[in-house]
Amino acid sequence: MNKVFILLQPNWFSKISFIFTLLFPLTLSAHPHAWVDTNTYIDSNETHITALHMTWTFDAETSTYMLQGEDISPEKIDQTLQRLAESVVGNMYNEHYFTYLYDGNEPVRYKEANHPQLIQDGNKLVLSFELPLSNPIAFNNKKFKLYIYDETYFVDMSWLDKSNIQLSEQLTAKCAGKLVAPKASDELRAYTLSLASDVAPDNTIGQLFSQKYQLHCP
């Protein structure tokens, strides 16, 4: 797994809306980084892929920021977490949920995500939601590619290893999956780390650092 140190500049909170919109105070002067450990379950029926089920674990620092200023008293914590879950997932709509599935070379569209839930796991927050495909896709004799990434260099989103991607029983029986590490050069890494604090985010960098999951269903 290749981790990248990612700078968050306060002027660009609105760009990373899936975590930060309405969640962080605008007076924050530090430059936090954010990591999201992703887990994906690819669901299907006997013949068609139907949905992606996501579980995203935020790093401890980001989790603390997300709860800053919120009512986390024992009486209110469940309501607070549910409200935040709905807000975070809702804010991802215009960013395609940072999830890019391809049927061959054709991008796959989704319906609006549902079943958002946010829970605490120690000092980390864990977000889960379902991402139904707009139309179920037949998987026999197909090759699929799946990416999860933020377009900028702000947020690192990674599967820790192949075990963090699970397949339905039907897909497991008929398909084979492979997790491919990104091939970003040392020069690109150096460029990313050298970006000045007042530089606008480069919306092409995230994809270059993204892992790729390949699913082949012969």
N, C-alpha and C. Protein backbone atom coordinates (compact mmCIF):
# COMPACT_ATOMS: atom_id res chain seq x y z
N MET A 1 0.85 -1.19 0.00
CA MET A 1 0.00 0.00 0.00
C MET A 1 0.88 1.23 0.00
N ASN A 2 0.59 2.21 -0.84
CA ASN A 2 1.37 3.42 -0.95
C ASN A 2 0.59 4.58 -0.39
N LYS A 3 1.06 5.10 0.74
CA LYS A 3 0.40 6.22 1.37
C LYS A 3 1.08 7.51 0.96
N VAL A 4 0.29 8.56 0.82
CA VAL A 4 0.79 9.86 0.42
C VAL A 4 0.39 10.85 1.49
N PHE A 5 1.32 11.70 1.94
CA PHE A 5 0.95 12.76 2.88
C PHE A 5 0.15 13.80 2.12
N ILE A 6 -1.02 14.13 2.62
CA ILE A 6 -1.97 14.97 1.90
C ILE A 6 -2.25 16.21 2.71
N LEU A 7 -2.03 17.38 2.14
CA LEU A 7 -2.24 18.63 2.84
C LEU A 7 -3.66 19.12 2.64
N LEU A 8 -4.23 19.64 3.73
CA LEU A 8 -5.55 20.24 3.65
C LEU A 8 -5.41 21.72 3.95
N GLN A 9 -5.70 22.55 3.00
CA GLN A 9 -5.64 23.98 3.23
C GLN A 9 -7.03 24.49 3.56
N PRO A 10 -7.18 25.35 4.58
CA PRO A 10 -8.50 25.83 4.96
C PRO A 10 -9.27 26.46 3.82
N ASN A 11 -8.58 27.12 2.87
CA ASN A 11 -9.27 27.76 1.76
C ASN A 11 -9.97 26.76 0.86
N TRP A 12 -9.66 25.47 1.00
CA TRP A 12 -10.20 24.48 0.08
C TRP A 12 -11.10 23.48 0.78
N PHE A 13 -11.64 23.84 1.98
CA PHE A 13 -12.54 22.94 2.68
C PHE A 13 -13.76 22.59 1.83
N SER A 14 -14.23 23.58 1.04
CA SER A 14 -15.46 23.32 0.27
C SER A 14 -15.25 22.25 -0.79
N LYS A 15 -14.02 22.08 -1.28
CA LYS A 15 -13.76 21.07 -2.31
C LYS A 15 -13.95 19.66 -1.77
N ILE A 16 -13.47 19.42 -0.56
CA ILE A 16 -13.58 18.08 0.00
C ILE A 16 -14.83 17.99 0.84
N SER A 17 -15.95 18.16 0.17
CA SER A 17 -17.22 18.30 0.87
C SER A 17 -17.64 17.05 1.59
N PHE A 18 -17.17 15.88 1.15
CA PHE A 18 -17.67 14.65 1.74
C PHE A 18 -17.27 14.50 3.19
N ILE A 19 -16.19 15.19 3.63
CA ILE A 19 -15.83 15.15 5.03
C ILE A 19 -16.04 16.51 5.69
N PHE A 20 -15.67 17.57 5.00
CA PHE A 20 -15.45 18.81 5.69
C PHE A 20 -16.57 19.84 5.62
N THR A 21 -17.44 19.79 4.62
CA THR A 21 -18.48 20.79 4.51
C THR A 21 -19.38 20.77 5.74
N LEU A 22 -19.50 21.88 6.36
CA LEU A 22 -20.35 22.05 7.54
C LEU A 22 -19.87 21.27 8.76
N LEU A 23 -18.70 20.63 8.66
CA LEU A 23 -18.24 19.83 9.78
C LEU A 23 -17.08 20.48 10.52
N PHE A 24 -16.20 21.19 9.82
CA PHE A 24 -15.04 21.78 10.47
C PHE A 24 -15.25 23.27 10.65
N PRO A 25 -14.76 23.86 11.73
CA PRO A 25 -14.83 25.30 11.91
C PRO A 25 -13.94 26.00 10.90
N LEU A 26 -14.42 27.10 10.33
CA LEU A 26 -13.65 27.82 9.32
C LEU A 26 -12.43 28.50 9.90
N THR A 27 -12.36 28.64 11.22
CA THR A 27 -11.23 29.31 11.83
C THR A 27 -10.07 28.36 12.06
N LEU A 28 -10.21 27.11 11.69
CA LEU A 28 -9.15 26.14 11.89
C LEU A 28 -7.89 26.59 11.16
N SER A 29 -6.78 26.69 11.89
CA SER A 29 -5.56 27.21 11.28
C SER A 29 -4.54 26.14 10.96
N ALA A 30 -4.73 24.94 11.51
CA ALA A 30 -3.80 23.86 11.21
C ALA A 30 -4.04 23.33 9.81
N HIS A 31 -3.14 22.49 9.34
CA HIS A 31 -3.27 21.89 8.02
C HIS A 31 -3.37 20.38 8.18
N PRO A 32 -4.51 19.87 8.60
CA PRO A 32 -4.60 18.42 8.85
C PRO A 32 -4.56 17.63 7.56
N HIS A 33 -4.15 16.39 7.65
CA HIS A 33 -4.23 15.46 6.55
C HIS A 33 -5.35 14.48 6.87
N ALA A 34 -5.78 13.73 5.89
CA ALA A 34 -6.87 12.79 6.11
C ALA A 34 -6.61 11.49 5.38
N TRP A 35 -6.87 10.38 6.07
CA TRP A 35 -6.78 9.06 5.48
C TRP A 35 -8.10 8.34 5.67
N VAL A 36 -8.51 7.62 4.67
CA VAL A 36 -9.72 6.81 4.75
C VAL A 36 -9.37 5.40 4.33
N ASP A 37 -9.51 4.45 5.24
CA ASP A 37 -9.33 3.03 4.91
C ASP A 37 -10.67 2.50 4.41
N THR A 38 -10.69 2.00 3.20
CA THR A 38 -11.94 1.63 2.56
C THR A 38 -12.14 0.12 2.55
N ASN A 39 -13.40 -0.27 2.61
CA ASN A 39 -13.79 -1.67 2.48
C ASN A 39 -15.01 -1.69 1.56
N THR A 40 -15.01 -2.60 0.59
CA THR A 40 -16.07 -2.63 -0.41
C THR A 40 -16.60 -4.04 -0.59
N TYR A 41 -17.90 -4.17 -0.55
CA TYR A 41 -18.55 -5.43 -0.86
C TYR A 41 -19.33 -5.25 -2.16
N ILE A 42 -19.00 -6.06 -3.17
CA ILE A 42 -19.67 -5.97 -4.46
C ILE A 42 -20.82 -6.98 -4.46
N ASP A 43 -22.04 -6.49 -4.55
CA ASP A 43 -23.22 -7.32 -4.42
C ASP A 43 -23.77 -7.69 -5.80
N SER A 44 -24.49 -8.80 -5.86
CA SER A 44 -25.07 -9.24 -7.13
C SER A 44 -26.20 -10.21 -6.87
N ASN A 45 -26.95 -10.47 -7.92
CA ASN A 45 -27.83 -11.63 -7.94
C ASN A 45 -27.13 -12.72 -8.75
N GLU A 46 -27.86 -13.64 -9.29
CA GLU A 46 -27.23 -14.75 -10.02
C GLU A 46 -26.51 -14.31 -11.28
N THR A 47 -26.93 -13.20 -11.87
CA THR A 47 -26.40 -12.82 -13.18
C THR A 47 -25.92 -11.38 -13.29
N HIS A 48 -26.31 -10.51 -12.35
CA HIS A 48 -26.04 -9.08 -12.49
C HIS A 48 -25.44 -8.50 -11.20
N ILE A 49 -24.47 -7.60 -11.37
CA ILE A 49 -23.99 -6.78 -10.26
C ILE A 49 -25.07 -5.75 -9.95
N THR A 50 -25.40 -5.60 -8.68
CA THR A 50 -26.53 -4.74 -8.30
C THR A 50 -26.14 -3.54 -7.45
N ALA A 51 -25.09 -3.65 -6.64
CA ALA A 51 -24.78 -2.56 -5.71
C ALA A 51 -23.37 -2.72 -5.15
N LEU A 52 -22.86 -1.62 -4.63
CA LEU A 52 -21.61 -1.61 -3.86
C LEU A 52 -21.95 -1.21 -2.43
N HIS A 53 -21.44 -1.95 -1.48
CA HIS A 53 -21.63 -1.63 -0.07
C HIS A 53 -20.29 -1.12 0.48
N MET A 54 -20.30 0.11 0.99
CA MET A 54 -19.07 0.76 1.42
C MET A 54 -18.97 0.83 2.94
N THR A 55 -17.76 0.62 3.43
CA THR A 55 -17.43 0.89 4.83
C THR A 55 -16.11 1.63 4.84
N TRP A 56 -16.16 2.88 5.29
CA TRP A 56 -14.97 3.75 5.27
C TRP A 56 -14.59 4.12 6.69
N THR A 57 -13.35 3.88 7.07
CA THR A 57 -12.85 4.21 8.40
C THR A 57 -11.95 5.43 8.31
N PHE A 58 -12.35 6.51 8.99
CA PHE A 58 -11.57 7.74 8.98
C PHE A 58 -10.47 7.68 10.04
N ASP A 59 -9.35 8.32 9.77
CA ASP A 59 -8.28 8.34 10.76
C ASP A 59 -8.73 9.09 12.00
N ALA A 60 -8.00 8.90 13.10
CA ALA A 60 -8.43 9.43 14.40
C ALA A 60 -8.52 10.95 14.40
N GLU A 61 -7.57 11.63 13.75
CA GLU A 61 -7.58 13.08 13.75
C GLU A 61 -8.79 13.62 12.99
N THR A 62 -9.05 13.05 11.82
CA THR A 62 -10.21 13.49 11.05
C THR A 62 -11.49 13.21 11.82
N SER A 63 -11.56 12.05 12.48
CA SER A 63 -12.74 11.71 13.27
C SER A 63 -12.98 12.74 14.37
N THR A 64 -11.90 13.19 15.00
CA THR A 64 -12.03 14.20 16.05
C THR A 64 -12.58 15.50 15.47
N TYR A 65 -12.08 15.92 14.31
CA TYR A 65 -12.57 17.14 13.68
C TYR A 65 -14.04 17.01 13.31
N MET A 66 -14.45 15.86 12.85
CA MET A 66 -15.84 15.68 12.44
C MET A 66 -16.80 15.85 13.62
N LEU A 67 -16.33 15.53 14.82
CA LEU A 67 -17.19 15.64 16.00
C LEU A 67 -17.01 16.96 16.74
N GLN A 68 -16.11 17.80 16.26
CA GLN A 68 -15.84 19.07 16.93
C GLN A 68 -17.10 19.94 16.93
N GLY A 69 -17.48 20.39 18.11
CA GLY A 69 -18.65 21.24 18.24
C GLY A 69 -19.97 20.52 18.22
N GLU A 70 -19.94 19.20 18.12
CA GLU A 70 -21.17 18.42 18.08
C GLU A 70 -21.57 17.95 19.48
N ASP A 71 -22.83 17.66 19.65
CA ASP A 71 -23.34 17.14 20.91
C ASP A 71 -23.09 15.63 20.94
N ILE A 72 -22.09 15.23 21.71
CA ILE A 72 -21.77 13.80 21.80
C ILE A 72 -22.06 13.27 23.20
N SER A 73 -22.99 13.91 23.86
CA SER A 73 -23.43 13.40 25.16
C SER A 73 -24.09 12.05 24.97
N PRO A 74 -24.08 11.21 26.01
CA PRO A 74 -24.69 9.88 25.86
C PRO A 74 -26.12 9.92 25.36
N GLU A 75 -26.85 10.98 25.71
CA GLU A 75 -28.26 11.08 25.30
C GLU A 75 -28.41 11.45 23.84
N LYS A 76 -27.40 12.10 23.26
CA LYS A 76 -27.53 12.66 21.91
C LYS A 76 -26.58 12.03 20.88
N ILE A 77 -25.63 11.22 21.30
CA ILE A 77 -24.60 10.76 20.38
C ILE A 77 -25.17 10.00 19.19
N ASP A 78 -26.17 9.15 19.40
CA ASP A 78 -26.73 8.38 18.29
C ASP A 78 -27.38 9.29 17.26
N GLN A 79 -28.11 10.29 17.72
CA GLN A 79 -28.74 11.24 16.80
C GLN A 79 -27.69 12.05 16.05
N THR A 80 -26.64 12.46 16.76
CA THR A 80 -25.57 13.23 16.13
C THR A 80 -24.88 12.43 15.04
N LEU A 81 -24.54 11.19 15.33
CA LEU A 81 -23.84 10.36 14.35
C LEU A 81 -24.71 10.11 13.13
N GLN A 82 -26.01 9.89 13.32
CA GLN A 82 -26.87 9.65 12.18
C GLN A 82 -27.01 10.89 11.31
N ARG A 83 -27.12 12.05 11.97
CA ARG A 83 -27.22 13.30 11.20
C ARG A 83 -25.96 13.54 10.40
N LEU A 84 -24.80 13.30 11.01
CA LEU A 84 -23.54 13.48 10.29
C LEU A 84 -23.41 12.49 9.14
N ALA A 85 -23.85 11.24 9.36
CA ALA A 85 -23.79 10.25 8.29
C ALA A 85 -24.60 10.71 7.09
N GLU A 86 -25.80 11.18 7.32
CA GLU A 86 -26.66 11.63 6.23
C GLU A 86 -26.05 12.84 5.53
N SER A 87 -25.43 13.74 6.30
CA SER A 87 -24.82 14.93 5.71
C SER A 87 -23.61 14.58 4.85
N VAL A 88 -22.73 13.72 5.38
CA VAL A 88 -21.53 13.34 4.65
C VAL A 88 -21.88 12.63 3.35
N VAL A 89 -22.77 11.65 3.41
CA VAL A 89 -23.15 10.91 2.21
C VAL A 89 -23.87 11.82 1.22
N GLY A 90 -24.73 12.70 1.73
CA GLY A 90 -25.41 13.64 0.85
C GLY A 90 -24.44 14.56 0.13
N ASN A 91 -23.39 15.00 0.82
CA ASN A 91 -22.41 15.89 0.22
C ASN A 91 -21.56 15.20 -0.84
N MET A 92 -21.53 13.88 -0.84
CA MET A 92 -20.74 13.16 -1.84
C MET A 92 -21.46 12.99 -3.17
N TYR A 93 -22.73 13.33 -3.23
CA TYR A 93 -23.53 13.07 -4.43
C TYR A 93 -22.90 13.69 -5.68
N ASN A 94 -22.53 14.95 -5.59
CA ASN A 94 -21.98 15.64 -6.76
C ASN A 94 -20.55 15.22 -7.08
N GLU A 95 -19.93 14.45 -6.20
CA GLU A 95 -18.57 13.95 -6.44
C GLU A 95 -18.59 12.47 -6.84
N HIS A 96 -19.78 11.98 -7.25
CA HIS A 96 -19.91 10.59 -7.71
C HIS A 96 -19.52 9.61 -6.62
N TYR A 97 -19.66 10.06 -5.36
CA TYR A 97 -19.32 9.24 -4.19
C TYR A 97 -17.86 8.80 -4.20
N PHE A 98 -17.03 9.53 -4.95
CA PHE A 98 -15.60 9.23 -5.04
C PHE A 98 -15.34 7.79 -5.47
N THR A 99 -16.32 7.20 -6.13
CA THR A 99 -16.26 5.79 -6.50
C THR A 99 -16.50 5.65 -7.99
N TYR A 100 -15.58 4.99 -8.69
CA TYR A 100 -15.62 4.94 -10.15
C TYR A 100 -15.52 3.48 -10.59
N LEU A 101 -16.64 2.98 -11.08
CA LEU A 101 -16.73 1.60 -11.58
C LEU A 101 -16.87 1.63 -13.09
N TYR A 102 -16.11 0.77 -13.76
CA TYR A 102 -16.16 0.71 -15.21
C TYR A 102 -16.51 -0.70 -15.66
N ASP A 103 -17.45 -0.78 -16.59
CA ASP A 103 -17.79 -2.01 -17.29
C ASP A 103 -16.98 -1.98 -18.57
N GLY A 104 -15.84 -2.68 -18.59
CA GLY A 104 -14.90 -2.47 -19.68
C GLY A 104 -14.35 -1.07 -19.55
N ASN A 105 -14.61 -0.24 -20.57
CA ASN A 105 -14.20 1.16 -20.51
C ASN A 105 -15.38 2.11 -20.32
N GLU A 106 -16.57 1.55 -20.07
CA GLU A 106 -17.76 2.37 -19.91
C GLU A 106 -18.01 2.66 -18.44
N PRO A 107 -18.11 3.94 -18.07
CA PRO A 107 -18.39 4.26 -16.66
C PRO A 107 -19.79 3.83 -16.26
N VAL A 108 -19.89 3.37 -15.03
CA VAL A 108 -21.17 2.90 -14.48
C VAL A 108 -21.77 3.99 -13.61
N ARG A 109 -23.06 4.22 -13.77
CA ARG A 109 -23.76 5.23 -12.97
C ARG A 109 -24.45 4.56 -11.78
N TYR A 110 -24.71 5.40 -10.75
CA TYR A 110 -25.35 4.90 -9.55
C TYR A 110 -26.66 5.64 -9.29
N LYS A 111 -27.51 5.00 -8.52
CA LYS A 111 -28.64 5.70 -7.92
C LYS A 111 -28.12 6.47 -6.70
N GLU A 112 -28.99 7.24 -6.09
CA GLU A 112 -28.62 7.94 -4.87
C GLU A 112 -28.29 6.92 -3.77
N ALA A 113 -27.21 7.16 -3.06
CA ALA A 113 -26.79 6.24 -2.00
C ALA A 113 -27.84 6.19 -0.90
N ASN A 114 -27.91 5.05 -0.22
CA ASN A 114 -28.88 4.91 0.86
C ASN A 114 -28.26 4.20 2.06
N HIS A 115 -29.03 4.10 3.12
CA HIS A 115 -28.64 3.45 4.37
C HIS A 115 -27.35 4.02 4.96
N PRO A 116 -27.17 5.35 5.01
CA PRO A 116 -25.96 5.89 5.64
C PRO A 116 -25.95 5.63 7.14
N GLN A 117 -24.79 5.29 7.65
CA GLN A 117 -24.64 5.05 9.09
C GLN A 117 -23.22 5.43 9.50
N LEU A 118 -23.11 6.07 10.65
CA LEU A 118 -21.81 6.44 11.20
C LEU A 118 -21.73 5.91 12.62
N ILE A 119 -20.67 5.17 12.91
CA ILE A 119 -20.48 4.63 14.24
C ILE A 119 -19.08 4.97 14.73
N GLN A 120 -18.88 4.84 16.03
CA GLN A 120 -17.57 5.03 16.62
C GLN A 120 -16.91 3.68 16.86
N ASP A 121 -15.64 3.59 16.48
CA ASP A 121 -14.85 2.39 16.73
C ASP A 121 -13.57 2.87 17.41
N GLY A 122 -13.58 2.88 18.72
CA GLY A 122 -12.47 3.47 19.45
C GLY A 122 -12.42 4.96 19.20
N ASN A 123 -11.27 5.45 18.72
CA ASN A 123 -11.13 6.88 18.44
C ASN A 123 -11.34 7.21 16.97
N LYS A 124 -11.92 6.26 16.23
CA LYS A 124 -12.18 6.49 14.81
C LYS A 124 -13.66 6.41 14.51
N LEU A 125 -14.07 7.14 13.46
CA LEU A 125 -15.44 7.05 12.97
C LEU A 125 -15.47 6.16 11.73
N VAL A 126 -16.53 5.37 11.64
CA VAL A 126 -16.69 4.44 10.52
C VAL A 126 -18.01 4.74 9.82
N LEU A 127 -17.92 5.08 8.55
CA LEU A 127 -19.08 5.40 7.74
C LEU A 127 -19.43 4.22 6.84
N SER A 128 -20.70 3.88 6.78
CA SER A 128 -21.14 2.84 5.85
C SER A 128 -22.35 3.34 5.07
N PHE A 129 -22.47 2.87 3.84
CA PHE A 129 -23.61 3.21 2.99
C PHE A 129 -23.68 2.24 1.83
N GLU A 130 -24.85 2.17 1.21
CA GLU A 130 -25.05 1.32 0.03
C GLU A 130 -25.13 2.20 -1.20
N LEU A 131 -24.49 1.75 -2.27
CA LEU A 131 -24.47 2.48 -3.52
C LEU A 131 -25.07 1.61 -4.61
N PRO A 132 -26.39 1.71 -4.85
CA PRO A 132 -27.02 0.86 -5.87
C PRO A 132 -26.65 1.33 -7.27
N LEU A 133 -26.45 0.39 -8.18
CA LEU A 133 -26.23 0.75 -9.57
C LEU A 133 -27.53 1.26 -10.18
N SER A 134 -27.43 2.22 -11.09
CA SER A 134 -28.63 2.73 -11.74
C SER A 134 -29.36 1.62 -12.47
N ASN A 135 -28.59 0.75 -13.10
CA ASN A 135 -29.15 -0.44 -13.75
C ASN A 135 -28.23 -1.61 -13.46
N PRO A 136 -28.76 -2.73 -12.95
CA PRO A 136 -27.90 -3.90 -12.73
C PRO A 136 -27.16 -4.27 -14.02
N ILE A 137 -25.92 -4.74 -13.85
CA ILE A 137 -25.07 -5.03 -15.00
C ILE A 137 -24.74 -6.52 -15.04
N ALA A 138 -25.03 -7.16 -16.15
CA ALA A 138 -24.67 -8.57 -16.31
C ALA A 138 -23.15 -8.71 -16.23
N PHE A 139 -22.68 -9.73 -15.49
CA PHE A 139 -21.24 -9.84 -15.29
C PHE A 139 -20.59 -10.97 -16.06
N ASN A 140 -21.34 -11.89 -16.64
CA ASN A 140 -20.72 -12.97 -17.40
C ASN A 140 -19.96 -12.43 -18.60
N ASN A 141 -18.76 -12.95 -18.79
CA ASN A 141 -17.90 -12.54 -19.91
C ASN A 141 -17.58 -11.06 -19.89
N LYS A 142 -17.38 -10.52 -18.69
CA LYS A 142 -17.09 -9.09 -18.55
C LYS A 142 -15.83 -8.87 -17.73
N LYS A 143 -15.23 -7.70 -17.94
CA LYS A 143 -14.13 -7.22 -17.12
C LYS A 143 -14.51 -5.86 -16.54
N PHE A 144 -14.29 -5.71 -15.23
CA PHE A 144 -14.65 -4.48 -14.54
C PHE A 144 -13.41 -3.88 -13.87
N LYS A 145 -13.46 -2.56 -13.71
CA LYS A 145 -12.42 -1.84 -12.96
C LYS A 145 -13.11 -0.97 -11.93
N LEU A 146 -12.54 -0.92 -10.73
CA LEU A 146 -13.11 -0.11 -9.66
C LEU A 146 -12.01 0.74 -9.02
N TYR A 147 -12.29 2.04 -8.90
CA TYR A 147 -11.38 2.97 -8.23
C TYR A 147 -12.16 3.71 -7.15
N ILE A 148 -11.48 4.06 -6.06
CA ILE A 148 -12.05 4.95 -5.06
C ILE A 148 -10.98 5.99 -4.73
N TYR A 149 -11.25 7.25 -5.03
CA TYR A 149 -10.24 8.28 -4.77
C TYR A 149 -10.86 9.68 -4.78
N ASP A 150 -10.18 10.58 -4.10
CA ASP A 150 -10.47 12.01 -4.19
C ASP A 150 -9.60 12.57 -5.32
N GLU A 151 -10.17 13.42 -6.16
CA GLU A 151 -9.43 13.92 -7.33
C GLU A 151 -8.21 14.75 -6.95
N THR A 152 -8.23 15.39 -5.78
CA THR A 152 -7.11 16.22 -5.37
C THR A 152 -6.13 15.39 -4.55
N TYR A 153 -5.13 16.06 -4.00
CA TYR A 153 -4.16 15.39 -3.14
C TYR A 153 -4.53 15.53 -1.68
N PHE A 154 -5.77 15.87 -1.38
CA PHE A 154 -6.15 16.17 -0.01
C PHE A 154 -6.39 14.92 0.84
N VAL A 155 -7.02 13.92 0.28
CA VAL A 155 -7.47 12.77 1.07
C VAL A 155 -6.94 11.48 0.46
N ASP A 156 -6.30 10.66 1.28
CA ASP A 156 -5.83 9.36 0.84
C ASP A 156 -6.90 8.32 1.12
N MET A 157 -7.38 7.65 0.09
CA MET A 157 -8.41 6.63 0.22
C MET A 157 -7.84 5.32 -0.31
N SER A 158 -7.75 4.30 0.55
CA SER A 158 -7.06 3.07 0.15
C SER A 158 -7.72 1.84 0.73
N TRP A 159 -7.72 0.76 -0.06
CA TRP A 159 -7.95 -0.57 0.47
C TRP A 159 -6.63 -1.02 1.08
N LEU A 160 -6.65 -1.49 2.32
CA LEU A 160 -5.40 -1.91 2.95
C LEU A 160 -4.80 -3.11 2.23
N ASP A 161 -5.63 -4.03 1.77
CA ASP A 161 -5.18 -5.15 0.96
C ASP A 161 -6.41 -5.75 0.27
N LYS A 162 -6.19 -6.81 -0.49
CA LYS A 162 -7.27 -7.40 -1.29
C LYS A 162 -8.43 -7.89 -0.43
N SER A 163 -8.15 -8.26 0.83
CA SER A 163 -9.21 -8.76 1.69
C SER A 163 -10.25 -7.70 2.03
N ASN A 164 -9.92 -6.44 1.75
CA ASN A 164 -10.88 -5.36 2.00
C ASN A 164 -11.87 -5.17 0.85
N ILE A 165 -11.83 -6.07 -0.12
CA ILE A 165 -12.82 -6.10 -1.19
C ILE A 165 -13.43 -7.50 -1.18
N GLN A 166 -14.73 -7.56 -0.92
CA GLN A 166 -15.42 -8.85 -0.88
C GLN A 166 -16.44 -8.93 -2.01
N LEU A 167 -16.69 -10.16 -2.45
CA LEU A 167 -17.63 -10.39 -3.54
C LEU A 167 -18.82 -11.20 -3.03
N SER A 168 -19.95 -11.02 -3.69
CA SER A 168 -21.11 -11.84 -3.39
C SER A 168 -20.78 -13.30 -3.66
N GLU A 169 -21.61 -14.19 -3.16
CA GLU A 169 -21.40 -15.62 -3.39
C GLU A 169 -21.39 -15.95 -4.88
N GLN A 170 -22.28 -15.32 -5.63
CA GLN A 170 -22.36 -15.59 -7.06
C GLN A 170 -21.10 -15.11 -7.80
N LEU A 171 -20.61 -13.92 -7.42
CA LEU A 171 -19.41 -13.40 -8.06
C LEU A 171 -18.18 -14.21 -7.66
N THR A 172 -18.13 -14.63 -6.40
CA THR A 172 -17.01 -15.43 -5.94
C THR A 172 -16.89 -16.72 -6.73
N ALA A 173 -18.02 -17.30 -7.07
CA ALA A 173 -18.02 -18.57 -7.79
C ALA A 173 -17.59 -18.42 -9.23
N LYS A 174 -17.77 -17.24 -9.82
CA LYS A 174 -17.56 -17.10 -11.26
C LYS A 174 -16.47 -16.11 -11.67
N CYS A 175 -15.97 -15.35 -10.73
CA CYS A 175 -15.06 -14.25 -11.09
C CYS A 175 -13.77 -14.31 -10.28
N ALA A 176 -12.77 -13.61 -10.76
CA ALA A 176 -11.49 -13.48 -10.07
C ALA A 176 -11.13 -12.00 -9.98
N GLY A 177 -10.66 -11.58 -8.80
CA GLY A 177 -10.33 -10.18 -8.60
C GLY A 177 -8.86 -9.97 -8.32
N LYS A 178 -8.36 -8.78 -8.66
CA LYS A 178 -6.95 -8.44 -8.46
C LYS A 178 -6.85 -6.98 -8.06
N LEU A 179 -6.09 -6.71 -7.00
CA LEU A 179 -5.86 -5.34 -6.55
C LEU A 179 -4.52 -4.86 -7.08
N VAL A 180 -4.54 -3.77 -7.83
CA VAL A 180 -3.33 -3.26 -8.48
C VAL A 180 -2.91 -1.96 -7.80
N ALA A 181 -1.67 -1.91 -7.36
CA ALA A 181 -1.14 -0.72 -6.69
C ALA A 181 -0.92 0.40 -7.69
N PRO A 182 -1.01 1.65 -7.25
CA PRO A 182 -0.73 2.77 -8.16
C PRO A 182 0.74 2.80 -8.56
N LYS A 183 1.01 3.43 -9.69
CA LYS A 183 2.38 3.48 -10.20
C LYS A 183 2.87 4.92 -10.31
N ALA A 184 2.54 5.72 -9.31
CA ALA A 184 3.00 7.10 -9.31
C ALA A 184 4.52 7.14 -9.17
N SER A 185 5.15 7.97 -9.96
CA SER A 185 6.61 8.05 -9.96
C SER A 185 7.11 8.82 -8.75
N ASP A 186 8.39 8.65 -8.44
CA ASP A 186 9.00 9.42 -7.36
C ASP A 186 8.93 10.91 -7.65
N GLU A 187 9.04 11.27 -8.93
CA GLU A 187 8.98 12.68 -9.31
C GLU A 187 7.60 13.26 -9.00
N LEU A 188 6.55 12.48 -9.27
CA LEU A 188 5.20 12.96 -8.97
C LEU A 188 5.00 13.08 -7.48
N ARG A 189 5.52 12.13 -6.72
CA ARG A 189 5.40 12.20 -5.26
C ARG A 189 6.10 13.45 -4.73
N ALA A 190 7.28 13.71 -5.26
CA ALA A 190 8.03 14.90 -4.83
C ALA A 190 7.27 16.17 -5.19
N TYR A 191 6.68 16.20 -6.38
CA TYR A 191 5.89 17.35 -6.80
C TYR A 191 4.71 17.57 -5.87
N THR A 192 4.02 16.50 -5.50
CA THR A 192 2.86 16.61 -4.63
C THR A 192 3.25 17.18 -3.28
N LEU A 193 4.35 16.71 -2.72
CA LEU A 193 4.78 17.15 -1.41
C LEU A 193 5.32 18.57 -1.42
N SER A 194 5.70 19.07 -2.61
CA SER A 194 6.30 20.40 -2.69
C SER A 194 5.28 21.49 -2.95
N LEU A 195 4.02 21.12 -3.18
CA LEU A 195 3.02 22.14 -3.51
C LEU A 195 2.88 23.15 -2.38
N ALA A 196 2.88 24.41 -2.73
CA ALA A 196 2.78 25.47 -1.73
C ALA A 196 1.38 25.51 -1.12
N SER A 197 1.29 26.08 0.06
CA SER A 197 0.03 26.09 0.79
C SER A 197 -1.05 26.91 0.11
N ASP A 198 -0.66 27.85 -0.75
CA ASP A 198 -1.65 28.71 -1.40
C ASP A 198 -1.94 28.27 -2.84
N VAL A 199 -1.50 27.08 -3.20
CA VAL A 199 -1.72 26.58 -4.56
C VAL A 199 -3.06 25.86 -4.62
N ALA A 200 -3.83 26.15 -5.66
CA ALA A 200 -5.11 25.46 -5.83
C ALA A 200 -4.87 23.97 -6.04
N PRO A 201 -5.77 23.13 -5.56
CA PRO A 201 -5.57 21.69 -5.70
C PRO A 201 -5.57 21.26 -7.15
N ASP A 202 -4.71 20.32 -7.48
CA ASP A 202 -4.64 19.75 -8.82
C ASP A 202 -5.62 18.60 -8.90
N ASN A 203 -6.66 18.75 -9.71
CA ASN A 203 -7.72 17.75 -9.76
C ASN A 203 -7.38 16.54 -10.61
N THR A 204 -6.11 16.41 -10.99
CA THR A 204 -5.69 15.22 -11.74
C THR A 204 -4.82 14.29 -10.91
N ILE A 205 -4.38 14.75 -9.75
CA ILE A 205 -3.40 13.98 -8.99
C ILE A 205 -4.02 12.75 -8.34
N GLY A 206 -5.22 12.89 -7.79
CA GLY A 206 -5.81 11.79 -7.04
C GLY A 206 -5.87 10.50 -7.82
N GLN A 207 -6.26 10.57 -9.08
CA GLN A 207 -6.38 9.36 -9.89
C GLN A 207 -5.03 8.67 -10.08
N LEU A 208 -3.96 9.46 -10.15
CA LEU A 208 -2.63 8.88 -10.36
C LEU A 208 -2.16 8.09 -9.15
N PHE A 209 -2.69 8.43 -7.98
CA PHE A 209 -2.30 7.72 -6.77
C PHE A 209 -3.33 6.66 -6.37
N SER A 210 -4.32 6.44 -7.21
CA SER A 210 -5.40 5.52 -6.85
C SER A 210 -5.05 4.07 -7.13
N GLN A 211 -5.44 3.20 -6.21
CA GLN A 211 -5.40 1.77 -6.49
C GLN A 211 -6.48 1.43 -7.52
N LYS A 212 -6.34 0.27 -8.12
CA LYS A 212 -7.33 -0.21 -9.08
C LYS A 212 -7.67 -1.66 -8.74
N TYR A 213 -8.98 -1.95 -8.66
CA TYR A 213 -9.41 -3.32 -8.46
C TYR A 213 -9.98 -3.83 -9.78
N GLN A 214 -9.41 -4.92 -10.26
CA GLN A 214 -9.83 -5.51 -11.53
C GLN A 214 -10.64 -6.77 -11.23
N LEU A 215 -11.80 -6.87 -11.85
CA LEU A 215 -12.67 -8.04 -11.66
C LEU A 215 -12.93 -8.65 -13.02
N HIS A 216 -12.54 -9.92 -13.18
CA HIS A 216 -12.70 -10.62 -14.45
C HIS A 216 -13.67 -11.76 -14.25
N CYS A 217 -14.75 -11.76 -15.04
CA CYS A 217 -15.79 -12.78 -14.93
C CYS A 217 -15.90 -13.50 -16.27
N PRO A 218 -15.11 -14.54 -16.50
CA PRO A 218 -15.11 -15.22 -17.81
C PRO A 218 -16.38 -16.02 -18.05
